[in-house]
């Protein structure tokens, strides 16, 4: 972020953009484009991205037990 502050602006769209790719692993969207989609659509994709990357609350708690 700027001046040591966290930049949470468009966080969901940015995470989705980093993870959304075609079958060859090439990115298929920019955060600015994804941010223009309906919030519920981005939210559903974001939830799936979190699940697939082990970022759900249960996964984080499980990792902390090690």
Protein backbone atom coordinates (compact mmCIF):
# COMPACT_ATOMS: atom_id res chain seq x y z
CA UNK A 1 0.00 0.00 0.00
CA UNK A 2 0.84 3.65 0.13
CA UNK A 3 2.70 5.00 3.17
CA UNK A 4 2.57 1.61 4.90
CA UNK A 5 -1.22 1.37 4.65
CA UNK A 6 -2.94 -1.64 3.16
CA UNK A 7 -4.62 -1.12 -0.18
CA UNK A 8 -7.91 -3.00 0.06
CA UNK A 9 -9.45 -1.19 -2.90
CA UNK A 10 -10.96 -3.71 -5.32
CA UNK A 11 -9.35 -6.58 -3.36
CA UNK A 12 -11.75 -9.26 -4.58
CA UNK A 13 -11.37 -8.31 -8.24
CA UNK A 14 -7.58 -8.21 -7.89
CA UNK A 15 -7.42 -11.67 -6.31
CA UNK A 16 -9.77 -13.11 -8.94
CA UNK A 17 -7.68 -11.53 -11.72
CA UNK A 18 -4.51 -13.11 -10.31
CA UNK A 19 -6.11 -16.56 -10.25
CA UNK A 20 -8.38 -16.60 -13.30
CA UNK A 21 -6.63 -18.24 -16.25
CA UNK A 22 -7.26 -20.37 -19.32
CA UNK A 23 -6.28 -24.03 -19.69
CA UNK A 24 -2.70 -23.00 -20.55
CA UNK A 25 -2.35 -20.90 -17.40
CA UNK A 26 -2.54 -17.55 -19.20
CA UNK A 27 -4.43 -14.77 -17.38
CA UNK A 28 -7.84 -14.05 -18.87
CA UNK A 29 -8.87 -10.87 -17.12
CA UNK A 30 -7.58 -7.68 -15.56
CA UNK A 31 -8.70 -6.50 -12.14
CA UNK A 32 -10.18 -3.38 -13.72
CA UNK A 33 -12.32 -5.49 -16.06
CA UNK A 34 -13.39 -7.93 -13.35
CA UNK A 35 -14.22 -5.02 -11.06
CA UNK A 36 -16.81 -3.89 -13.59
CA UNK A 37 -18.79 -7.14 -13.24
CA UNK A 38 -21.76 -7.46 -10.91
CA UNK A 39 -20.63 -7.71 -7.29
CA UNK A 40 -22.49 -11.00 -6.71
CA UNK A 41 -20.71 -12.61 -9.68
CA UNK A 42 -17.29 -11.46 -8.49
CA UNK A 43 -18.20 -12.61 -4.98
CA UNK A 44 -19.04 -16.12 -6.15
CA UNK A 45 -15.81 -16.40 -8.14
CA UNK A 46 -13.86 -14.95 -5.20
CA UNK A 47 -15.34 -17.56 -2.85
CA UNK A 48 -14.30 -20.35 -5.23
CA UNK A 49 -10.79 -18.89 -5.61
CA UNK A 50 -10.45 -18.83 -1.81
CA UNK A 51 -11.66 -22.41 -1.53
CA UNK A 52 -9.34 -23.69 -4.25
CA UNK A 53 -6.33 -21.91 -2.72
CA UNK A 54 -6.94 -23.10 0.83
CA UNK A 55 -7.95 -19.67 2.08
CA UNK A 56 -11.23 -20.63 3.79
CA UNK A 57 -11.48 -20.12 7.55
CA UNK A 58 -11.40 -23.87 8.18
CA UNK A 59 -8.25 -24.25 6.08
CA UNK A 60 -6.50 -21.37 7.85
CA UNK A 61 -7.40 -22.76 11.28
CA UNK A 62 -6.19 -26.22 10.25
CA UNK A 63 -2.87 -24.80 9.02
CA UNK A 64 -2.39 -23.05 12.36
CA UNK A 65 -2.50 -26.40 14.20
CA UNK A 66 0.76 -27.57 12.60
